[in-house]
Amino acid sequence: MGDLPKYTRYRGEKRIALLDNSSIEFMEKLEMAGYETDQIFADYDLILIPGWVWKEVEDSFYRKRYIDKLLQRKIDKKVY
């Protein structure tokens, strides 16, 4: 699994999704139930996962797998 790129400068994005452990787990469970979560992110310009959240995500196989799938999809978003 690749590392998330670091977001170091605001580039004018207006709609930012900020994911925490709970939201990542919720999204992962939706996907496991057969619902694609790409539409949830359709209104956002950027998806942010703070470093402290990422450290906790790495402790969970399922949350890591969900983020990895999110990064691999052809969604028109940047994930940091």
PDB file of N, CA and C in Angstrom:
ATOM      1  N   MET A   1       0.842  -1.187   0.000  1.00  0.00           N
ATOM      2  CA  MET A   1       0.000   0.000   0.000  1.00  0.00           C
ATOM      3  C   MET A   1       0.876   1.235   0.000  1.00  0.00           C
ATOM      4  N   GLY A   2       0.598   2.142  -0.908  1.00  0.00           N
ATOM      5  CA  GLY A   2       1.393   3.354  -0.996  1.00  0.00           C
ATOM      6  C   GLY A   2       1.060   4.352   0.092  1.00  0.00           C
ATOM      7  N   ASP A   3       1.981   5.264   0.308  1.00  0.00           N
ATOM      8  CA  ASP A   3       1.754   6.321   1.285  1.00  0.00           C
ATOM      9  C   ASP A   3       0.846   7.381   0.688  1.00  0.00           C
ATOM     10  N   LEU A   4       0.084   8.022   1.535  1.00  0.00           N
ATOM     11  CA  LEU A   4      -0.729   9.142   1.079  1.00  0.00           C
ATOM     12  C   LEU A   4       0.189  10.321   0.806  1.00  0.00           C
ATOM     13  N   PRO A   5      -0.061  11.067  -0.253  1.00  0.00           N
ATOM     14  CA  PRO A   5       0.744  12.268  -0.494  1.00  0.00           C
ATOM     15  C   PRO A   5       0.471  13.299   0.599  1.00  0.00           C
ATOM     16  N   LYS A   6       1.443  14.135   0.871  1.00  0.00           N
ATOM     17  CA  LYS A   6       1.266  15.171   1.895  1.00  0.00           C
ATOM     18  C   LYS A   6       0.666  16.419   1.269  1.00  0.00           C
ATOM     19  N   TYR A   7      -0.286  16.983   1.968  1.00  0.00           N
ATOM     20  CA  TYR A   7      -0.947  18.208   1.528  1.00  0.00           C
ATOM     21  C   TYR A   7      -0.321  19.345   2.312  1.00  0.00           C
ATOM     22  N   THR A   8       0.452  20.160   1.632  1.00  0.00           N
ATOM     23  CA  THR A   8       1.207  21.199   2.342  1.00  0.00           C
ATOM     24  C   THR A   8       0.773  22.617   2.010  1.00  0.00           C
ATOM     25  N   ARG A   9      -0.081  22.768   0.996  1.00  0.00           N
ATOM     26  CA  ARG A   9      -0.466  24.122   0.606  1.00  0.00           C
ATOM     27  C   ARG A   9      -1.894  24.139   0.096  1.00  0.00           C
ATOM     28  N   TYR A  10      -2.648  25.103   0.564  1.00  0.00           N
ATOM     29  CA  TYR A  10      -4.021  25.291   0.095  1.00  0.00           C
ATOM     30  C   TYR A  10      -3.985  25.754  -1.349  1.00  0.00           C
ATOM     31  N   ARG A  11      -4.724  25.083  -2.209  1.00  0.00           N
ATOM     32  CA  ARG A  11      -4.681  25.382  -3.636  1.00  0.00           C
ATOM     33  C   ARG A  11      -6.018  25.903  -4.155  1.00  0.00           C
ATOM     34  N   GLY A  12      -6.833  26.417  -3.272  1.00  0.00           N
ATOM     35  CA  GLY A  12      -8.099  27.015  -3.678  1.00  0.00           C
ATOM     36  C   GLY A  12      -9.296  26.094  -3.626  1.00  0.00           C
ATOM     37  N   GLU A  13      -9.109  24.863  -3.129  1.00  0.00           N
ATOM     38  CA  GLU A  13     -10.250  23.956  -3.024  1.00  0.00           C
ATOM     39  C   GLU A  13     -11.287  24.557  -2.079  1.00  0.00           C
ATOM     40  N   LYS A  14     -12.533  24.465  -2.460  1.00  0.00           N
ATOM     41  CA  LYS A  14     -13.589  25.057  -1.642  1.00  0.00           C
ATOM     42  C   LYS A  14     -14.382  24.027  -0.855  1.00  0.00           C
ATOM     43  N   ARG A  15     -14.456  22.816  -1.382  1.00  0.00           N
ATOM     44  CA  ARG A  15     -15.236  21.766  -0.728  1.00  0.00           C
ATOM     45  C   ARG A  15     -14.291  20.624  -0.364  1.00  0.00           C
ATOM     46  N   ILE A  16     -14.010  20.528   0.929  1.00  0.00           N
ATOM     47  CA  ILE A  16     -13.024  19.563   1.407  1.00  0.00           C
ATOM     48  C   ILE A  16     -13.699  18.558   2.329  1.00  0.00           C
ATOM     49  N   ALA A  17     -13.539  17.272   2.021  1.00  0.00           N
ATOM     50  CA  ALA A  17     -14.042  16.198   2.894  1.00  0.00           C
ATOM     51  C   ALA A  17     -12.910  15.842   3.858  1.00  0.00           C
ATOM     52  N   LEU A  18     -13.167  15.950   5.134  1.00  0.00           N
ATOM     53  CA  LEU A  18     -12.193  15.612   6.164  1.00  0.00           C
ATOM     54  C   LEU A  18     -12.628  14.297   6.798  1.00  0.00           C
ATOM     55  N   LEU A  19     -11.837  13.244   6.571  1.00  0.00           N
ATOM     56  CA  LEU A  19     -12.204  11.918   7.059  1.00  0.00           C
ATOM     57  C   LEU A  19     -11.505  11.610   8.373  1.00  0.00           C
ATOM     58  N   ASP A  20     -12.271  11.042   9.300  1.00  0.00           N
ATOM     59  CA  ASP A  20     -11.694  10.539  10.542  1.00  0.00           C
ATOM     60  C   ASP A  20     -11.909   9.028  10.574  1.00  0.00           C
ATOM     61  N   ASN A  21     -11.470   8.383  11.641  1.00  0.00           N
ATOM     62  CA  ASN A  21     -11.588   6.924  11.724  1.00  0.00           C
ATOM     63  C   ASN A  21     -13.026   6.442  11.613  1.00  0.00           C
ATOM     64  N   SER A  22     -13.927   7.143  12.263  1.00  0.00           N
ATOM     65  CA  SER A  22     -15.332   6.722  12.240  1.00  0.00           C
ATOM     66  C   SER A  22     -15.920   6.801  10.843  1.00  0.00           C
ATOM     67  N   SER A  23     -15.651   7.892  10.130  1.00  0.00           N
ATOM     68  CA  SER A  23     -16.207   8.023   8.780  1.00  0.00           C
ATOM     69  C   SER A  23     -15.585   7.010   7.822  1.00  0.00           C
ATOM     70  N   ILE A  24     -14.295   6.738   7.985  1.00  0.00           N
ATOM     71  CA  ILE A  24     -13.645   5.735   7.131  1.00  0.00           C
ATOM     72  C   ILE A  24     -14.233   4.360   7.404  1.00  0.00           C
ATOM     73  N   GLU A  25     -14.432   4.042   8.661  1.00  0.00           N
ATOM     74  CA  GLU A  25     -15.023   2.741   9.003  1.00  0.00           C
ATOM     75  C   GLU A  25     -16.454   2.632   8.469  1.00  0.00           C
ATOM     76  N   PHE A  26     -17.235   3.711   8.587  1.00  0.00           N
ATOM     77  CA  PHE A  26     -18.595   3.725   8.072  1.00  0.00           C
ATOM     78  C   PHE A  26     -18.608   3.502   6.560  1.00  0.00           C
ATOM     79  N   MET A  27     -17.738   4.211   5.847  1.00  0.00           N
ATOM     80  CA  MET A  27     -17.656   4.055   4.394  1.00  0.00           C
ATOM     81  C   MET A  27     -17.246   2.634   4.020  1.00  0.00           C
ATOM     82  N   GLU A  28     -16.310   2.088   4.752  1.00  0.00           N
ATOM     83  CA  GLU A  28     -15.848   0.724   4.489  1.00  0.00           C
ATOM     84  C   GLU A  28     -16.979  -0.273   4.672  1.00  0.00           C
ATOM     85  N   LYS A  29     -17.801  -0.072   5.703  1.00  0.00           N
ATOM     86  CA  LYS A  29     -18.931  -0.974   5.940  1.00  0.00           C
ATOM     87  C   LYS A  29     -20.005  -0.832   4.865  1.00  0.00           C
ATOM     88  N   LEU A  30     -20.213   0.397   4.389  1.00  0.00           N
ATOM     89  CA  LEU A  30     -21.145   0.592   3.274  1.00  0.00           C
ATOM     90  C   LEU A  30     -20.678  -0.187   2.049  1.00  0.00           C
ATOM     91  N   GLU A  31     -19.399  -0.106   1.755  1.00  0.00           N
ATOM     92  CA  GLU A  31     -18.849  -0.836   0.602  1.00  0.00           C
ATOM     93  C   GLU A  31     -19.000  -2.341   0.781  1.00  0.00           C
ATOM     94  N   MET A  32     -18.761  -2.839   1.987  1.00  0.00           N
ATOM     95  CA  MET A  32     -18.892  -4.269   2.237  1.00  0.00           C
ATOM     96  C   MET A  32     -20.342  -4.718   2.068  1.00  0.00           C
ATOM     97  N   ALA A  33     -21.285  -3.789   2.298  1.00  0.00           N
ATOM     98  CA  ALA A  33     -22.703  -4.103   2.132  1.00  0.00           C
ATOM     99  C   ALA A  33     -23.155  -3.952   0.680  1.00  0.00           C
ATOM    100  N   GLY A  34     -22.225  -3.561  -0.203  1.00  0.00           N
ATOM    101  CA  GLY A  34     -22.550  -3.479  -1.617  1.00  0.00           C
ATOM    102  C   GLY A  34     -22.833  -2.092  -2.157  1.00  0.00           C
ATOM    103  N   TYR A  35     -22.635  -1.057  -1.357  1.00  0.00           N
ATOM    104  CA  TYR A  35     -22.868   0.313  -1.804  1.00  0.00           C
ATOM    105  C   TYR A  35     -21.542   0.970  -2.146  1.00  0.00           C
ATOM    106  N   GLU A  36     -21.444   1.535  -3.344  1.00  0.00           N
ATOM    107  CA  GLU A  36     -20.232   2.267  -3.701  1.00  0.00           C
ATOM    108  C   GLU A  36     -20.305   3.656  -3.083  1.00  0.00           C
ATOM    109  N   THR A  37     -19.211   4.097  -2.521  1.00  0.00           N
ATOM    110  CA  THR A  37     -19.204   5.375  -1.806  1.00  0.00           C
ATOM    111  C   THR A  37     -18.701   6.528  -2.659  1.00  0.00           C
ATOM    112  N   ASP A  38     -18.373   6.279  -3.915  1.00  0.00           N
ATOM    113  CA  ASP A  38     -17.858   7.353  -4.770  1.00  0.00           C
ATOM    114  C   ASP A  38     -18.822   8.530  -4.863  1.00  0.00           C
ATOM    115  N   GLN A  39     -20.116   8.252  -4.916  1.00  0.00           N
ATOM    116  CA  GLN A  39     -21.105   9.328  -5.029  1.00  0.00           C
ATOM    117  C   GLN A  39     -21.116  10.234  -3.802  1.00  0.00           C
ATOM    118  N   ILE A  40     -20.767   9.703  -2.664  1.00  0.00           N
ATOM    119  CA  ILE A  40     -20.719  10.517  -1.449  1.00  0.00           C
ATOM    120  C   ILE A  40     -19.686  11.621  -1.598  1.00  0.00           C
ATOM    121  N   PHE A  41     -18.604  11.321  -2.308  1.00  0.00           N
ATOM    122  CA  PHE A  41     -17.529  12.291  -2.481  1.00  0.00           C
ATOM    123  C   PHE A  41     -17.710  13.176  -3.714  1.00  0.00           C
ATOM    124  N   ALA A  42     -18.792  12.999  -4.440  1.00  0.00           N
ATOM    125  CA  ALA A  42     -18.989  13.718  -5.703  1.00  0.00           C
ATOM    126  C   ALA A  42     -18.988  15.239  -5.547  1.00  0.00           C
ATOM    127  N   ASP A  43     -19.429  15.757  -4.432  1.00  0.00           N
ATOM    128  CA  ASP A  43     -19.512  17.205  -4.249  1.00  0.00           C
ATOM    129  C   ASP A  43     -18.245  17.827  -3.668  1.00  0.00           C
ATOM    130  N   TYR A  44     -17.225  17.025  -3.439  1.00  0.00           N
ATOM    131  CA  TYR A  44     -16.001  17.528  -2.820  1.00  0.00           C
ATOM    132  C   TYR A  44     -14.875  17.684  -3.830  1.00  0.00           C
ATOM    133  N   ASP A  45     -14.037  18.700  -3.597  1.00  0.00           N
ATOM    134  CA  ASP A  45     -12.869  18.942  -4.433  1.00  0.00           C
ATOM    135  C   ASP A  45     -11.646  18.171  -3.938  1.00  0.00           C
ATOM    136  N   LEU A  46     -11.629  17.858  -2.658  1.00  0.00           N
ATOM    137  CA  LEU A  46     -10.452  17.274  -2.032  1.00  0.00           C
ATOM    138  C   LEU A  46     -10.882  16.392  -0.869  1.00  0.00           C
ATOM    139  N   ILE A  47     -10.178  15.301  -0.659  1.00  0.00           N
ATOM    140  CA  ILE A  47     -10.418  14.427   0.487  1.00  0.00           C
ATOM    141  C   ILE A  47      -9.171  14.454   1.360  1.00  0.00           C
ATOM    142  N   LEU A  48      -9.318  14.876   2.610  1.00  0.00           N
ATOM    143  CA  LEU A  48      -8.188  14.950   3.537  1.00  0.00           C
ATOM    144  C   LEU A  48      -8.306  13.890   4.628  1.00  0.00           C
ATOM    145  N   ILE A  49      -7.189  13.250   4.912  1.00  0.00           N
ATOM    146  CA  ILE A  49      -7.087  12.318   6.038  1.00  0.00           C
ATOM    147  C   ILE A  49      -5.904  12.794   6.870  1.00  0.00           C
ATOM    148  N   PRO A  50      -6.150  13.375   8.048  1.00  0.00           N
ATOM    149  CA  PRO A  50      -5.043  13.873   8.885  1.00  0.00           C
ATOM    150  C   PRO A  50      -4.060  12.766   9.244  1.00  0.00           C
ATOM    151  N   GLY A  51      -2.814  13.171   9.475  1.00  0.00           N
ATOM    152  CA  GLY A  51      -1.767  12.212   9.807  1.00  0.00           C
ATOM    153  C   GLY A  51      -2.090  11.361  11.017  1.00  0.00           C
ATOM    154  N   TRP A  52      -2.671  11.965  12.052  1.00  0.00           N
ATOM    155  CA  TRP A  52      -2.983  11.187  13.257  1.00  0.00           C
ATOM    156  C   TRP A  52      -4.069  10.149  12.965  1.00  0.00           C
ATOM    157  N   VAL A  53      -4.973  10.470  12.038  1.00  0.00           N
ATOM    158  CA  VAL A  53      -6.002   9.501  11.642  1.00  0.00           C
ATOM    159  C   VAL A  53      -5.348   8.381  10.842  1.00  0.00           C
ATOM    160  N   TRP A  54      -4.453   8.751   9.932  1.00  0.00           N
ATOM    161  CA  TRP A  54      -3.785   7.759   9.103  1.00  0.00           C
ATOM    162  C   TRP A  54      -3.023   6.739   9.947  1.00  0.00           C
ATOM    163  N   LYS A  55      -2.381   7.193  11.024  1.00  0.00           N
ATOM    164  CA  LYS A  55      -1.656   6.270  11.905  1.00  0.00           C
ATOM    165  C   LYS A  55      -2.604   5.228  12.489  1.00  0.00           C
ATOM    166  N   GLU A  56      -3.806   5.652  12.841  1.00  0.00           N
ATOM    167  CA  GLU A  56      -4.787   4.716  13.395  1.00  0.00           C
ATOM    168  C   GLU A  56      -5.398   3.838  12.300  1.00  0.00           C
ATOM    169  N   VAL A  57      -5.567   4.392  11.110  1.00  0.00           N
ATOM    170  CA  VAL A  57      -6.101   3.610   9.988  1.00  0.00           C
ATOM    171  C   VAL A  57      -5.156   2.462   9.663  1.00  0.00           C
ATOM    172  N   GLU A  58      -3.870   2.711   9.743  1.00  0.00           N
ATOM    173  CA  GLU A  58      -2.886   1.676   9.420  1.00  0.00           C
ATOM    174  C   GLU A  58      -2.982   0.468  10.346  1.00  0.00           C
ATOM    175  N   ASP A  59      -3.606   0.619  11.495  1.00  0.00           N
ATOM    176  CA  ASP A  59      -3.785  -0.497  12.429  1.00  0.00           C
ATOM    177  C   ASP A  59      -4.958  -1.407  12.048  1.00  0.00           C
ATOM    178  N   SER A  60      -5.719  -1.015  11.056  1.00  0.00           N
ATOM    179  CA  SER A  60      -6.896  -1.785  10.654  1.00  0.00           C
ATOM    180  C   SER A  60      -6.763  -2.251   9.207  1.00  0.00           C
ATOM    181  N   PHE A  61      -6.747  -3.545   9.011  1.00  0.00           N
ATOM    182  CA  PHE A  61      -6.664  -4.106   7.663  1.00  0.00           C
ATOM    183  C   PHE A  61      -7.805  -3.594   6.786  1.00  0.00           C
ATOM    184  N   TYR A  62      -9.016  -3.579   7.322  1.00  0.00           N
ATOM    185  CA  TYR A  62     -10.185  -3.208   6.531  1.00  0.00           C
ATOM    186  C   TYR A  62     -10.190  -1.725   6.162  1.00  0.00           C
ATOM    187  N   ARG A  63      -9.848  -0.845   7.087  1.00  0.00           N
ATOM    188  CA  ARG A  63      -9.801   0.587   6.763  1.00  0.00           C
ATOM    189  C   ARG A  63      -8.675   0.882   5.780  1.00  0.00           C
ATOM    190  N   LYS A  64      -7.526   0.232   5.952  1.00  0.00           N
ATOM    191  CA  LYS A  64      -6.424   0.404   5.000  1.00  0.00           C
ATOM    192  C   LYS A  64      -6.845  -0.045   3.606  1.00  0.00           C
ATOM    193  N   ARG A  65      -7.526  -1.167   3.546  1.00  0.00           N
ATOM    194  CA  ARG A  65      -7.984  -1.695   2.258  1.00  0.00           C
ATOM    195  C   ARG A  65      -8.960  -0.720   1.603  1.00  0.00           C
ATOM    196  N   TYR A  66      -9.867  -0.136   2.384  1.00  0.00           N
ATOM    197  CA  TYR A  66     -10.829   0.819   1.826  1.00  0.00           C
ATOM    198  C   TYR A  66     -10.100   2.043   1.253  1.00  0.00           C
ATOM    199  N   ILE A  67      -9.150   2.607   1.992  1.00  0.00           N
ATOM    200  CA  ILE A  67      -8.420   3.780   1.513  1.00  0.00           C
ATOM    201  C   ILE A  67      -7.615   3.425   0.273  1.00  0.00           C
ATOM    202  N   ASP A  68      -7.009   2.251   0.276  1.00  0.00           N
ATOM    203  CA  ASP A  68      -6.255   1.815  -0.889  1.00  0.00           C
ATOM    204  C   ASP A  68      -7.170   1.730  -2.111  1.00  0.00           C
ATOM    205  N   LYS A  69      -8.357   1.174  -1.953  1.00  0.00           N
ATOM    206  CA  LYS A  69      -9.315   1.098  -3.061  1.00  0.00           C
ATOM    207  C   LYS A  69      -9.741   2.493  -3.501  1.00  0.00           C
ATOM    208  N   LEU A  70      -9.943   3.385  -2.541  1.00  0.00           N
ATOM    209  CA  LEU A  70     -10.326   4.751  -2.855  1.00  0.00           C
ATOM    210  C   LEU A  70      -9.240   5.432  -3.685  1.00  0.00           C
ATOM    211  N   LEU A  71      -7.991   5.217  -3.330  1.00  0.00           N
ATOM    212  CA  LEU A  71      -6.877   5.803  -4.073  1.00  0.00           C
ATOM    213  C   LEU A  71      -6.762   5.215  -5.479  1.00  0.00           C
ATOM    214  N   GLN A  72      -7.114   3.949  -5.643  1.00  0.00           N
ATOM    215  CA  GLN A  72      -6.970   3.284  -6.935  1.00  0.00           C
ATOM    216  C   GLN A  72      -8.119   3.575  -7.894  1.00  0.00           C
ATOM    217  N   ARG A  73      -9.251   3.992  -7.373  1.00  0.00           N
ATOM    218  CA  ARG A  73     -10.402   4.265  -8.229  1.00  0.00           C
ATOM    219  C   ARG A  73     -10.163   5.477  -9.088  1.00  0.00           C
ATOM    220  N   LYS A  74     -10.939   5.551 -10.123  1.00  0.00           N
ATOM    221  CA  LYS A  74     -10.825   6.682 -11.041  1.00  0.00           C
ATOM    222  C   LYS A  74     -11.761   7.798 -10.599  1.00  0.00           C
ATOM    223  N   ILE A  75     -11.718   8.143  -9.315  1.00  0.00           N
ATOM    224  CA  ILE A  75     -12.543   9.259  -8.866  1.00  0.00           C
ATOM    225  C   ILE A  75     -11.807  10.546  -9.172  1.00  0.00           C
ATOM    226  N   ASP A  76     -12.555  11.580  -9.450  1.00  0.00           N
ATOM    227  CA  ASP A  76     -11.970  12.857  -9.838  1.00  0.00           C
ATOM    228  C   ASP A  76     -11.687  13.693  -8.587  1.00  0.00           C
ATOM    229  N   LYS A  77     -10.919  13.135  -7.677  1.00  0.00           N
ATOM    230  CA  LYS A  77     -10.609  13.815  -6.425  1.00  0.00           C
ATOM    231  C   LYS A  77      -9.158  13.562  -6.076  1.00  0.00           C
ATOM    232  N   LYS A  78      -8.604  14.446  -5.311  1.00  0.00           N
ATOM    233  CA  LYS A  78      -7.280  14.206  -4.761  1.00  0.00           C
ATOM    234  C   LYS A  78      -7.468  13.754  -3.331  1.00  0.00           C
ATOM    235  N   VAL A  79      -6.769  12.713  -2.957  1.00  0.00           N
ATOM    236  CA  VAL A  79      -6.847  12.183  -1.601  1.00  0.00           C
ATOM    237  C   VAL A  79      -5.504  12.441  -0.934  1.00  0.00           C
ATOM    238  N   TYR A  80      -5.520  13.158   0.171  1.00  0.00           N
ATOM    239  CA  TYR A  80      -4.302  13.477   0.923  1.00  0.00           C
ATOM    240  C   TYR A  80      -4.472  13.054   2.358  1.00  0.00           C
TER     241      TYR A  80
END
